[in-house]
Amino acid sequence: MKNLPAIKPALLTTSLALGALALTSAPASAQMRFSIDIYGHSTGAADTFSGTPIKGGDLLVPATFDRRPAMGPLPTPGTYCPEAVGGLNLTANVNEVDALSYGKDMRLDDGTEMSLGRVWFSVDEWTFGITGLGAPPSVQSEYPFGDASADVFVNRYLPTIFPVPPIISPNRAFVDGDGLASGSGFAYVGSGLIEPATAAARDNVDAVDFQSPLGSPPDEPVYFSLDAYMIHPVTGNWSLGSAIANYFVGGDILVTPSPTMAPGVYAAAVQLGLDMVGGPDSDDVDALILAENGDGIYTPSRVPFDWQNGASDMLFFSVRRGSAVIGQPDSIFGLPIEPGDILTTPLHPQFGGLSPFPGIVVSAESLGLATLRTPSGANIPDDLNAADILEDRPSLYETTFCVCDTSAPCGNTDPTWGCANSTGSGASLTASGDSSVTGNLDLTAANMPAGQFGVGIIAPSTMNMPFRDGKLCLTSGIVRLGIRGTGGTGSFSFTGVVGVAASRGVAIVPGDTWYFQAWYRDPAGPCANGSNLTNGVEVLFY
């Protein structure tokens, strides 16, 4: 066999993130399939499609018309692929799918841009992120309110090399559990899961796939893993152990080729550098990213990027808390493996492999996750529950915040937008277009009284304070974007926001986060203060 290429630095860019209503402009591949922790509160609930109780091994989708996340309130998710006959064909009575891929994930090459939401991931309910890092919404902002474990997050920045070493970078919330505003004040599209996470009711996204458009019926190969039988180091409880119950181990990557075929081993744990410390079933694969080369037979990578021409299969994964391999030196950097790292098969000694264990390809710190390796204040390292890498990404990165669901000036609440005005509902501010500094971002304020005027405003930071009949969401250097009339429709717009801001002396550059709101006159408003405000919109520019 000829020598495979040496490790090359990837050409990466910085910038990114995404949130709230961004999926309204997402590509078709952003349809979502996922599983949930068997101990989640939605397990056992009647799925929306057939009324069948949801099981821990079922693959679910949001019960929306296009199977994409949407703003809440949302129905319970629907079962897309059952765990038993006609689906994954698992034989154990109780199962938990820990990782998921359809083998069609983006195949990275040595020129792939890793910024702008390339990596999507979920975390468990004991993951709190690196404190004081980046703008919300994020793991850090959602964890205190029990809203992190049902969410999906994306990377915000990654260093300009691949594999990615432990360089601390922020993350960004992308998909919510229930699609409603959390205690952090931010609202973004959801999947229909239960939030916040409490002892009595919680959900945890345990596996996720966005890359493959939904087929009907789901007759393509499904790659996944089942949970190992091990003690959780935080709770002290034993996991389910459904891998052993199905005659596999938790470190195996399994495949069900079709709904009429039984599952089998695609990649054995030992091929991934697992189960070498504690023996069989001592490691648990907790996330899966797979670009299968098309032959259906697993060919391990020996060095990053040897998968570019189909010489091997690109297989990335993480390991669950409590896995025996955690703390062992990875084969690429020689660093202690953590449960928040995205790993790949061991770097071959021929190419400088430092150990027989998996290699770190995306470090936990670069996703904003806390580890014991870095001075992040973590006593318990964060756990990456699920992951995906996308080729097609949305172009608009924005979230809704400062909705008037509570603390309205005179009881004039609105759970979705600004505080209720004389029309009976709150005025909305939404973004459309894209958030590239060279693109075209538009802002539209609606649901205002007709025949009045208003002002669009922009600021670099936020607050939440009663003001007139509404809430003022911006602070610190507020700048007016201009005056507009509401006309007969009770609405107005600002087109080309980057240019409008520049004309007002605000220079928006890639990587900036800016906050927007609109104030408007409302002489007949419910609180008799003469004016009101919309909700706020946060936009991250790239």
Protein backbone atom coordinates (compact mmCIF):
# COMPACT_ATOMS: atom_id res chain seq x y z
CA MET A 1 0.00 0.00 0.00
CA LYS A 2 1.32 3.43 -0.87
CA ASN A 3 2.02 5.92 1.90
CA LEU A 4 -0.98 7.99 2.94
CA PRO A 5 -0.73 11.77 3.15
CA ALA A 6 0.71 13.40 6.24
CA ILE A 7 -1.45 15.60 8.45
CA LYS A 8 -2.12 18.94 6.82
CA PRO A 9 -3.51 22.09 8.40
CA ALA A 10 -7.07 22.84 7.42
CA LEU A 11 -7.92 26.23 6.01
CA LEU A 12 -10.43 27.56 8.50
CA THR A 13 -12.13 30.87 8.99
CA THR A 14 -13.43 32.58 12.07
CA SER A 15 -16.88 33.88 12.74
CA LEU A 16 -20.24 32.27 13.15
CA ALA A 17 -23.18 31.27 15.10
CA LEU A 18 -26.78 30.88 14.85
CA GLY A 19 -29.96 30.70 16.79
CA ALA A 20 -33.60 31.41 17.00
CA LEU A 21 -35.51 31.80 13.79
CA ALA A 22 -32.53 30.87 11.66
CA LEU A 23 -34.06 27.62 10.46
CA THR A 24 -36.71 29.53 8.54
CA SER A 25 -33.96 30.04 5.98
CA ALA A 26 -32.21 26.73 6.50
CA PRO A 27 -31.54 24.32 3.65
CA ALA A 28 -33.61 21.17 3.22
CA SER A 29 -30.87 19.11 4.85
CA ALA A 30 -31.62 20.83 8.16
CA GLN A 31 -34.48 18.44 8.82
CA MET A 32 -33.82 16.91 12.20
CA ARG A 33 -33.74 13.29 13.39
CA PHE A 34 -32.85 12.51 16.96
CA SER A 35 -33.20 10.20 19.94
CA ILE A 36 -33.69 11.04 23.60
CA ASP A 37 -32.36 9.66 26.86
CA ILE A 38 -34.54 6.80 28.07
CA TYR A 39 -35.01 8.56 31.40
CA GLY A 40 -36.33 11.68 29.69
CA HIS A 41 -39.88 12.76 30.44
CA SER A 42 -40.98 12.41 26.80
CA THR A 43 -40.10 8.71 26.89
CA GLY A 44 -43.41 6.90 27.20
CA ALA A 45 -45.42 9.86 25.91
CA ALA A 46 -47.68 9.26 22.93
CA ASP A 47 -45.90 10.31 19.75
CA THR A 48 -47.83 12.77 17.61
CA PHE A 49 -47.98 10.63 14.46
CA SER A 50 -49.52 7.40 15.74
CA GLY A 51 -50.06 7.76 19.47
CA THR A 52 -47.50 5.01 20.12
CA PRO A 53 -45.46 5.48 23.33
CA ILE A 54 -42.00 6.87 22.57
CA LYS A 55 -39.12 4.52 23.43
CA GLY A 56 -35.46 5.23 24.13
CA GLY A 57 -34.35 3.51 20.93
CA ASP A 58 -36.81 5.29 18.63
CA LEU A 59 -35.57 7.87 16.14
CA LEU A 60 -37.77 10.95 16.34
CA VAL A 61 -38.52 14.05 14.27
CA PRO A 62 -40.20 17.34 15.15
CA ALA A 63 -43.94 17.03 14.52
CA THR A 64 -43.99 20.06 12.20
CA PHE A 65 -45.17 20.12 8.60
CA ASP A 66 -41.65 19.95 7.17
CA ARG A 67 -40.03 18.05 10.08
CA ARG A 68 -37.82 21.02 10.89
CA PRO A 69 -37.62 22.72 14.27
CA ALA A 70 -40.05 25.62 14.70
CA MET A 71 -41.05 28.20 17.28
CA GLY A 72 -43.16 26.86 20.15
CA PRO A 73 -45.44 25.79 21.61
CA LEU A 74 -44.92 22.49 19.81
CA PRO A 75 -46.50 19.03 19.86
CA THR A 76 -44.67 15.97 21.14
CA PRO A 77 -42.16 14.68 18.54
CA GLY A 78 -43.18 11.92 16.15
CA THR A 79 -41.51 8.54 15.67
CA TYR A 80 -39.72 8.37 12.33
CA CYS A 81 -37.94 5.04 12.81
CA PRO A 82 -38.97 2.68 15.65
CA GLU A 83 -36.41 0.78 17.70
CA ALA A 84 -38.00 -2.60 17.02
CA VAL A 85 -39.51 -4.39 13.99
CA GLY A 86 -39.56 -2.32 10.82
CA GLY A 87 -36.99 0.13 12.16
CA LEU A 88 -33.68 -0.60 13.88
CA ASN A 89 -34.89 -4.15 14.61
CA LEU A 90 -33.44 -4.24 18.12
CA THR A 91 -34.44 -7.32 20.11
CA ALA A 92 -33.98 -6.14 23.72
CA ASN A 93 -37.08 -4.98 25.58
CA VAL A 94 -35.57 -1.61 26.54
CA ASN A 95 -33.00 0.29 24.47
CA GLU A 96 -31.14 3.59 24.35
CA VAL A 97 -29.64 4.90 21.11
CA ASP A 98 -26.60 6.99 22.04
CA ALA A 99 -25.33 8.06 18.61
CA LEU A 100 -26.75 8.38 15.09
CA SER A 101 -25.64 8.91 11.50
CA TYR A 102 -26.84 7.93 8.05
CA GLY A 103 -23.28 7.72 6.74
CA LYS A 104 -23.74 10.84 4.60
CA ASP A 105 -22.15 13.44 6.83
CA MET A 106 -19.89 16.05 5.26
CA ARG A 107 -16.52 14.62 4.28
CA LEU A 108 -13.90 17.09 5.50
CA ASP A 109 -10.92 17.89 3.34
CA ASP A 110 -7.85 19.93 4.15
CA GLY A 111 -9.48 23.10 2.85
CA THR A 112 -12.81 22.83 4.67
CA GLU A 113 -14.00 25.94 6.46
CA MET A 114 -14.88 24.93 10.00
CA SER A 115 -16.58 28.15 11.09
CA LEU A 116 -20.15 29.36 10.59
CA GLY A 117 -21.94 26.57 12.40
CA ARG A 118 -20.09 23.67 10.84
CA VAL A 119 -20.23 21.54 14.02
CA TRP A 120 -23.63 20.96 15.66
CA PHE A 121 -23.84 19.19 19.00
CA SER A 122 -25.86 18.46 22.12
CA VAL A 123 -24.85 18.08 25.75
CA ASP A 124 -26.16 16.32 28.84
CA GLU A 125 -27.95 17.94 31.78
CA TRP A 126 -24.76 18.24 33.85
CA THR A 127 -22.89 20.23 31.20
CA PHE A 128 -22.46 23.92 32.06
CA GLY A 129 -19.91 25.18 29.52
CA ILE A 130 -16.97 27.49 30.09
CA THR A 131 -18.17 30.42 32.17
CA GLY A 132 -17.93 33.97 30.89
CA LEU A 133 -17.38 32.90 27.30
CA GLY A 134 -19.22 34.49 24.36
CA ALA A 135 -22.63 36.08 23.93
CA PRO A 136 -25.82 34.18 24.78
CA PRO A 137 -27.72 32.07 23.95
CA SER A 138 -25.22 29.29 24.63
CA VAL A 139 -24.59 26.27 26.81
CA GLN A 140 -23.46 28.68 29.52
CA SER A 141 -26.62 30.81 29.38
CA GLU A 142 -29.10 27.91 29.13
CA TYR A 143 -27.63 25.51 31.71
CA PRO A 144 -28.65 27.54 34.81
CA PHE A 145 -32.29 27.39 33.68
CA GLY A 146 -32.32 23.66 32.87
CA ASP A 147 -32.60 24.36 29.14
CA ALA A 148 -29.27 23.06 27.80
CA SER A 149 -29.78 19.29 27.62
CA ALA A 150 -32.72 19.43 25.18
CA ASP A 151 -30.96 21.95 22.92
CA VAL A 152 -28.58 21.68 19.98
CA PHE A 153 -25.61 24.06 19.78
CA VAL A 154 -23.11 25.07 17.11
CA ASN A 155 -19.48 26.14 17.18
CA ARG A 156 -18.93 29.88 16.96
CA TYR A 157 -15.24 30.03 16.12
CA LEU A 158 -12.63 27.37 15.53
CA PRO A 159 -8.87 27.81 15.29
CA THR A 160 -7.22 27.85 11.86
CA ILE A 161 -5.83 24.33 12.12
CA PHE A 162 -7.34 20.86 11.94
CA PRO A 163 -7.33 18.69 14.01
CA VAL A 164 -8.41 21.37 16.46
CA PRO A 165 -6.35 21.62 19.68
CA PRO A 166 -7.67 22.88 23.05
CA ILE A 167 -8.11 26.55 22.17
CA ILE A 168 -11.07 28.03 24.03
CA SER A 169 -13.86 29.26 21.74
CA PRO A 170 -17.57 30.00 22.34
CA ASN A 171 -20.64 28.07 21.24
CA ARG A 172 -24.08 29.20 20.16
CA ALA A 173 -27.58 27.78 20.74
CA PHE A 174 -29.26 26.63 17.54
CA VAL A 175 -32.26 24.38 18.30
CA ASP A 176 -34.26 24.63 21.51
CA GLY A 177 -36.24 21.91 23.25
CA ASP A 178 -39.68 23.52 23.44
CA GLY A 179 -39.16 26.54 21.16
CA LEU A 180 -40.21 28.97 23.90
CA ALA A 181 -38.25 31.63 25.75
CA SER A 182 -36.08 30.17 28.48
CA GLY A 183 -35.13 31.79 31.76
CA SER A 184 -32.24 33.41 29.89
CA GLY A 185 -34.75 35.46 27.90
CA PHE A 186 -33.87 33.99 24.49
CA ALA A 187 -36.25 32.10 22.21
CA TYR A 188 -35.30 30.01 19.17
CA VAL A 189 -36.75 27.17 17.13
CA GLY A 190 -37.48 23.92 19.00
CA SER A 191 -37.99 20.20 18.46
CA GLY A 192 -40.95 19.59 20.79
CA LEU A 193 -39.10 18.33 23.87
CA ILE A 194 -39.86 19.20 27.48
CA GLU A 195 -38.06 22.08 29.21
CA PRO A 196 -36.79 23.11 31.65
CA ALA A 197 -34.98 20.04 32.95
CA THR A 198 -35.99 19.23 36.51
CA ALA A 199 -35.89 16.11 38.64
CA ALA A 200 -39.53 15.48 37.73
CA ALA A 201 -39.45 16.38 34.04
CA ARG A 202 -36.49 16.58 31.71
CA ASP A 203 -35.45 15.64 28.20
CA ASN A 204 -31.98 15.06 26.83
CA VAL A 205 -31.07 14.93 23.12
CA ASP A 206 -28.98 11.75 22.99
CA ALA A 207 -28.29 11.46 19.25
CA VAL A 208 -28.93 13.76 16.30
CA ASP A 209 -28.62 13.91 12.51
CA PHE A 210 -29.30 16.95 10.31
CA GLN A 211 -27.29 16.16 7.19
CA SER A 212 -29.57 13.67 5.39
CA PRO A 213 -32.96 14.78 4.02
CA LEU A 214 -35.80 12.67 5.34
CA GLY A 215 -36.86 9.78 3.16
CA SER A 216 -40.15 7.91 3.28
CA PRO A 217 -40.02 5.12 4.14
CA PRO A 218 -36.67 5.22 6.00
CA ASP A 219 -35.11 2.44 3.94
CA GLU A 220 -31.46 3.58 4.02
CA PRO A 221 -28.73 2.18 6.29
CA VAL A 222 -28.80 3.61 9.80
CA TYR A 223 -25.55 3.78 11.78
CA PHE A 224 -25.83 4.08 15.55
CA SER A 225 -24.58 2.95 18.94
CA LEU A 226 -26.27 1.64 22.08
CA ASP A 227 -25.40 2.49 25.66
CA ALA A 228 -22.85 0.53 27.67
CA TYR A 229 -23.50 -0.77 31.18
CA MET A 230 -21.54 1.57 33.42
CA ILE A 231 -21.83 3.87 36.42
CA HIS A 232 -22.55 7.53 35.78
CA PRO A 233 -19.81 9.46 37.63
CA VAL A 234 -22.14 12.35 38.52
CA THR A 235 -25.26 10.53 39.70
CA GLY A 236 -23.77 7.19 40.74
CA ASN A 237 -26.52 5.40 38.82
CA TRP A 238 -25.97 2.50 36.43
CA SER A 239 -26.84 3.05 32.78
CA LEU A 240 -29.25 0.81 30.95
CA GLY A 241 -26.72 -1.40 29.16
CA SER A 242 -28.81 -2.00 26.04
CA ALA A 243 -25.71 -2.76 23.94
CA ILE A 244 -25.00 -5.92 25.95
CA ALA A 245 -28.72 -6.76 25.93
CA ASN A 246 -28.57 -6.77 22.11
CA TYR A 247 -25.28 -8.78 22.09
CA PHE A 248 -23.01 -5.83 21.28
CA VAL A 249 -20.85 -3.47 23.36
CA GLY A 250 -21.26 0.25 23.94
CA GLY A 251 -18.16 1.12 21.91
CA ASP A 252 -19.41 -0.60 18.74
CA ILE A 253 -20.78 1.37 15.80
CA LEU A 254 -23.77 -0.62 14.57
CA VAL A 255 -25.67 -0.59 11.31
CA THR A 256 -29.17 -1.64 10.40
CA PRO A 257 -28.96 -1.89 6.58
CA SER A 258 -32.72 -1.71 6.02
CA PRO A 259 -35.99 -2.06 7.98
CA THR A 260 -36.09 -5.76 7.03
CA MET A 261 -32.59 -6.60 8.26
CA ALA A 262 -31.12 -7.18 11.70
CA PRO A 263 -28.47 -4.80 13.08
CA GLY A 264 -24.81 -5.78 13.00
CA VAL A 265 -21.41 -4.36 13.85
CA TYR A 266 -20.10 -1.83 11.34
CA ALA A 267 -17.03 -0.70 13.31
CA ALA A 268 -15.96 -2.66 16.39
CA ALA A 269 -14.94 -0.82 19.54
CA VAL A 270 -11.33 -2.01 19.27
CA GLN A 271 -11.09 -0.54 15.75
CA LEU A 272 -11.85 2.85 17.29
CA GLY A 273 -9.19 2.50 19.97
CA LEU A 274 -11.83 1.70 22.60
CA ASP A 275 -12.25 -1.07 25.21
CA MET A 276 -8.46 -1.29 25.50
CA VAL A 277 -8.29 -0.08 29.11
CA GLY A 278 -11.22 -1.69 30.88
CA GLY A 279 -12.12 -4.51 28.51
CA PRO A 280 -15.37 -5.12 26.58
CA ASP A 281 -18.18 -2.61 27.15
CA SER A 282 -15.98 -0.30 29.23
CA ASP A 283 -16.28 2.58 26.73
CA ASP A 284 -19.50 4.10 25.44
CA VAL A 285 -19.72 5.93 22.09
CA ASP A 286 -21.85 9.02 22.71
CA ALA A 287 -21.85 10.87 19.36
CA LEU A 288 -21.28 9.82 15.75
CA ILE A 289 -20.27 11.62 12.55
CA LEU A 290 -19.75 9.30 9.58
CA ALA A 291 -18.95 9.79 5.90
CA GLU A 292 -19.10 6.23 4.58
CA ASN A 293 -17.07 5.63 1.41
CA GLY A 294 -19.87 3.69 -0.25
CA ASP A 295 -18.77 0.08 0.05
CA GLY A 296 -20.56 -0.57 3.34
CA ILE A 297 -17.39 -2.03 4.89
CA TYR A 298 -15.59 -0.07 7.56
CA THR A 299 -12.07 1.00 6.57
CA PRO A 300 -10.44 2.85 9.50
CA SER A 301 -8.63 6.10 8.84
CA ARG A 302 -4.91 5.95 9.59
CA VAL A 303 -4.28 9.69 9.33
CA PRO A 304 -6.69 12.66 8.98
CA PHE A 305 -7.80 13.35 5.40
CA ASP A 306 -6.96 9.90 4.00
CA TRP A 307 -10.73 9.64 3.59
CA GLN A 308 -10.79 12.41 0.94
CA ASN A 309 -10.66 10.06 -2.04
CA GLY A 310 -12.55 7.20 -0.43
CA ALA A 311 -9.43 5.41 0.81
CA SER A 312 -11.07 5.16 4.23
CA ASP A 313 -14.25 6.06 6.06
CA MET A 314 -14.36 9.34 7.97
CA LEU A 315 -15.64 8.36 11.41
CA PHE A 316 -15.75 10.81 14.32
CA PHE A 317 -17.23 10.10 17.74
CA SER A 318 -17.22 11.06 21.40
CA VAL A 319 -17.24 8.92 24.53
CA ARG A 320 -19.63 9.15 27.43
CA ARG A 321 -18.80 10.16 30.99
CA GLY A 322 -17.44 7.16 32.86
CA SER A 323 -15.77 5.55 29.85
CA ALA A 324 -12.46 3.89 30.73
CA VAL A 325 -10.59 5.63 27.89
CA ILE A 326 -11.20 9.07 29.43
CA GLY A 327 -7.92 10.43 30.74
CA GLN A 328 -5.79 8.32 28.40
CA PRO A 329 -3.46 10.19 26.00
CA ASP A 330 -5.01 10.76 22.60
CA SER A 331 -2.96 9.61 19.61
CA ILE A 332 -2.74 13.00 17.82
CA PHE A 333 -1.83 15.53 20.55
CA GLY A 334 -0.97 13.24 23.46
CA LEU A 335 -3.60 15.01 25.58
CA PRO A 336 -5.93 13.37 28.12
CA ILE A 337 -9.16 12.39 26.38
CA GLU A 338 -12.26 14.15 27.73
CA PRO A 339 -16.00 13.38 27.29
CA GLY A 340 -16.49 16.67 25.41
CA ASP A 341 -13.92 15.90 22.69
CA ILE A 342 -14.79 14.82 19.16
CA LEU A 343 -12.48 11.91 18.40
CA THR A 344 -11.42 9.80 15.45
CA THR A 345 -9.71 6.47 14.99
CA PRO A 346 -6.14 6.23 16.34
CA LEU A 347 -3.46 8.03 14.35
CA HIS A 348 -1.26 5.29 12.91
CA PRO A 349 2.31 5.15 14.34
CA GLN A 350 3.61 5.50 10.77
CA PHE A 351 2.26 9.06 10.82
CA GLY A 352 3.37 9.94 14.32
CA GLY A 353 0.62 8.36 16.40
CA LEU A 354 1.35 8.93 20.10
CA SER A 355 -0.85 6.21 21.58
CA PRO A 356 -3.17 3.35 20.59
CA PHE A 357 -6.18 5.41 21.66
CA PRO A 358 -8.49 7.66 19.62
CA GLY A 359 -7.22 11.01 18.38
CA ILE A 360 -8.80 14.38 19.14
CA VAL A 361 -10.08 16.06 15.96
CA VAL A 362 -12.18 18.81 17.59
CA SER A 363 -11.34 19.60 21.20
CA ALA A 364 -14.05 20.20 23.78
CA GLU A 365 -12.63 23.64 24.59
CA SER A 366 -13.05 24.78 20.98
CA LEU A 367 -16.78 24.06 21.36
CA GLY A 368 -16.98 26.07 24.58
CA LEU A 369 -17.14 22.95 26.77
CA ALA A 370 -15.31 22.71 30.08
CA THR A 371 -12.55 20.14 30.64
CA LEU A 372 -10.02 19.23 33.30
CA ARG A 373 -7.22 20.11 30.83
CA THR A 374 -7.74 23.84 30.86
CA PRO A 375 -8.30 26.47 33.59
CA SER A 376 -12.05 26.64 32.93
CA GLY A 377 -13.19 26.10 36.51
CA ALA A 378 -14.48 22.61 35.78
CA ASN A 379 -14.46 20.02 38.53
CA ILE A 380 -16.44 17.66 36.32
CA PRO A 381 -15.77 17.82 32.56
CA ASP A 382 -18.64 18.55 30.19
CA ASP A 383 -20.16 15.76 28.12
CA LEU A 384 -20.84 16.02 24.38
CA ASN A 385 -23.96 13.91 23.78
CA ALA A 386 -24.43 14.09 20.01
CA ALA A 387 -22.72 15.72 17.03
CA ASP A 388 -23.05 16.38 13.32
CA ILE A 389 -21.04 18.26 10.68
CA LEU A 390 -23.03 20.03 7.97
CA GLU A 391 -22.12 21.02 4.45
CA ASP A 392 -25.15 23.27 3.84
CA ARG A 393 -25.63 25.87 6.52
CA PRO A 394 -28.18 28.67 7.05
CA SER A 395 -27.12 32.17 6.11
CA LEU A 396 -29.02 34.02 8.83
CA TYR A 397 -27.89 33.85 12.46
CA GLU A 398 -30.39 35.50 14.80
CA THR A 399 -32.43 34.94 17.94
CA THR A 400 -35.50 36.52 19.43
CA PHE A 401 -35.09 37.87 22.96
CA CYS A 402 -36.80 40.14 25.48
CA VAL A 403 -40.34 38.90 24.75
CA CYS A 404 -43.07 40.20 27.05
CA ASP A 405 -44.15 36.89 28.58
CA THR A 406 -43.72 38.23 32.13
CA SER A 407 -43.26 41.53 33.97
CA ALA A 408 -45.35 43.63 31.59
CA PRO A 409 -45.84 47.27 32.69
CA CYS A 410 -49.60 46.90 33.27
CA GLY A 411 -50.25 43.19 32.83
CA ASN A 412 -50.20 43.52 29.03
CA THR A 413 -48.18 40.36 28.40
CA ASP A 414 -47.57 38.63 25.09
CA PRO A 415 -45.72 35.28 25.18
CA THR A 416 -44.17 35.65 21.74
CA TRP A 417 -43.38 39.29 20.95
CA GLY A 418 -43.31 42.68 22.66
CA CYS A 419 -45.88 43.76 25.25
CA ALA A 420 -49.50 43.97 24.06
CA ASN A 421 -50.52 47.26 22.46
CA SER A 422 -53.84 48.81 21.43
CA THR A 423 -54.28 46.17 18.72
CA GLY A 424 -54.58 43.51 21.44
CA SER A 425 -51.27 41.79 20.71
CA GLY A 426 -47.59 42.61 20.95
CA ALA A 427 -45.60 44.12 18.09
CA SER A 428 -43.06 41.82 16.47
CA LEU A 429 -39.57 42.47 15.15
CA THR A 430 -38.17 39.82 12.81
CA ALA A 431 -35.08 39.50 10.64
CA SER A 432 -34.81 38.08 7.12
CA GLY A 433 -32.18 37.76 4.43
CA ASP A 434 -28.69 36.93 5.64
CA SER A 435 -26.32 38.19 8.30
CA SER A 436 -23.21 38.46 6.16
CA VAL A 437 -21.74 41.94 6.35
CA THR A 438 -21.72 41.93 2.55
CA GLY A 439 -25.23 40.50 2.29
CA ASN A 440 -28.69 41.95 2.75
CA LEU A 441 -30.26 41.83 6.21
CA ASP A 442 -33.79 43.22 6.55
CA LEU A 443 -35.73 43.98 9.73
CA THR A 444 -39.53 44.14 9.81
CA ALA A 445 -41.66 45.49 12.65
CA ALA A 446 -45.34 44.46 12.52
CA ASN A 447 -48.55 44.28 14.60
CA MET A 448 -48.34 47.98 15.50
CA PRO A 449 -51.28 50.43 15.42
CA ALA A 450 -51.83 51.92 11.97
CA GLY A 451 -51.12 55.54 11.16
CA GLN A 452 -48.36 56.03 13.73
CA PHE A 453 -44.59 56.36 13.49
CA GLY A 454 -41.72 54.49 15.06
CA VAL A 455 -37.94 54.28 15.29
CA GLY A 456 -35.58 51.37 14.75
CA ILE A 457 -32.69 51.18 17.21
CA ILE A 458 -29.42 49.25 17.45
CA ALA A 459 -27.03 48.70 20.38
CA PRO A 460 -24.07 46.46 21.31
CA SER A 461 -25.58 45.22 24.60
CA THR A 462 -28.91 44.36 26.21
CA MET A 463 -31.13 45.02 29.19
CA ASN A 464 -34.73 44.20 30.14
CA MET A 465 -36.48 47.16 31.76
CA PRO A 466 -40.13 48.32 31.71
CA PHE A 467 -40.43 51.42 29.53
CA ARG A 468 -43.70 53.14 28.58
CA ASP A 469 -46.13 50.32 27.66
CA GLY A 470 -43.37 47.83 26.89
CA LYS A 471 -39.85 46.71 27.69
CA LEU A 472 -36.62 48.39 26.66
CA CYS A 473 -34.25 45.62 25.58
CA LEU A 474 -31.15 47.60 24.53
CA THR A 475 -28.62 49.66 26.43
CA SER A 476 -25.12 51.15 26.22
CA GLY A 477 -24.76 53.26 23.10
CA ILE A 478 -28.22 53.03 21.51
CA VAL A 479 -28.26 54.45 17.97
CA ARG A 480 -31.35 55.26 15.91
CA LEU A 481 -31.58 53.59 12.51
CA GLY A 482 -34.25 56.02 11.35
CA ILE A 483 -37.91 57.01 11.61
CA ARG A 484 -40.62 55.05 9.78
CA GLY A 485 -44.39 55.29 9.51
CA THR A 486 -46.62 52.29 10.24
CA GLY A 487 -49.04 53.20 7.44
CA GLY A 488 -52.26 51.29 7.00
CA THR A 489 -50.68 47.91 7.74
CA GLY A 490 -49.22 48.75 11.13
CA SER A 491 -45.75 47.78 9.98
CA PHE A 492 -42.48 49.15 8.64
CA SER A 493 -39.11 47.76 7.52
CA PHE A 494 -35.43 48.56 7.36
CA THR A 495 -33.70 47.02 4.34
CA GLY A 496 -29.96 46.62 4.00
CA VAL A 497 -29.40 47.01 7.74
CA VAL A 498 -25.59 46.94 7.55
CA GLY A 499 -25.63 49.91 5.18
CA VAL A 500 -28.28 51.74 7.20
CA ALA A 501 -26.21 51.27 10.37
CA ALA A 502 -23.09 52.53 8.59
CA SER A 503 -24.94 55.69 7.56
CA ARG A 504 -25.62 56.26 11.26
CA GLY A 505 -22.00 55.79 12.25
CA VAL A 506 -22.22 52.12 13.32
CA ALA A 507 -19.63 49.94 11.59
CA ILE A 508 -20.67 46.27 11.63
CA VAL A 509 -17.79 43.85 11.01
CA PRO A 510 -17.59 40.03 10.82
CA GLY A 511 -17.84 38.40 14.23
CA ASP A 512 -19.91 41.24 15.73
CA THR A 513 -23.13 40.63 17.65
CA TRP A 514 -25.64 43.50 17.51
CA TYR A 515 -29.06 43.88 19.07
CA PHE A 516 -32.11 45.51 17.46
CA GLN A 517 -35.52 46.75 18.61
CA ALA A 518 -38.23 49.14 17.44
CA TRP A 519 -40.06 51.83 19.43
CA TYR A 520 -43.44 53.12 18.19
CA ARG A 521 -46.20 55.53 19.19
CA ASP A 522 -49.41 54.04 20.60
CA PRO A 523 -51.65 56.82 21.98
CA ALA A 524 -54.45 54.35 22.82
CA GLY A 525 -52.14 51.82 24.46
CA PRO A 526 -53.29 49.73 27.45
CA CYS A 527 -50.98 51.41 29.99
CA ALA A 528 -51.76 54.97 28.79
CA ASN A 529 -48.06 55.85 28.40
CA GLY A 530 -48.31 56.76 24.72
CA SER A 531 -45.76 54.36 23.21
CA ASN A 532 -44.51 50.77 23.21
CA LEU A 533 -41.70 48.57 21.89
CA THR A 534 -41.27 45.35 19.95
CA ASN A 535 -39.33 42.33 21.15
CA GLY A 536 -35.58 42.38 20.59
CA VAL A 537 -33.63 40.60 17.85
CA GLU A 538 -30.00 39.56 18.22
CA VAL A 539 -27.93 39.10 15.06
CA LEU A 540 -24.45 37.67 14.77
CA PHE A 541 -22.66 38.86 11.62
CA TYR A 542 -20.05 37.01 9.61
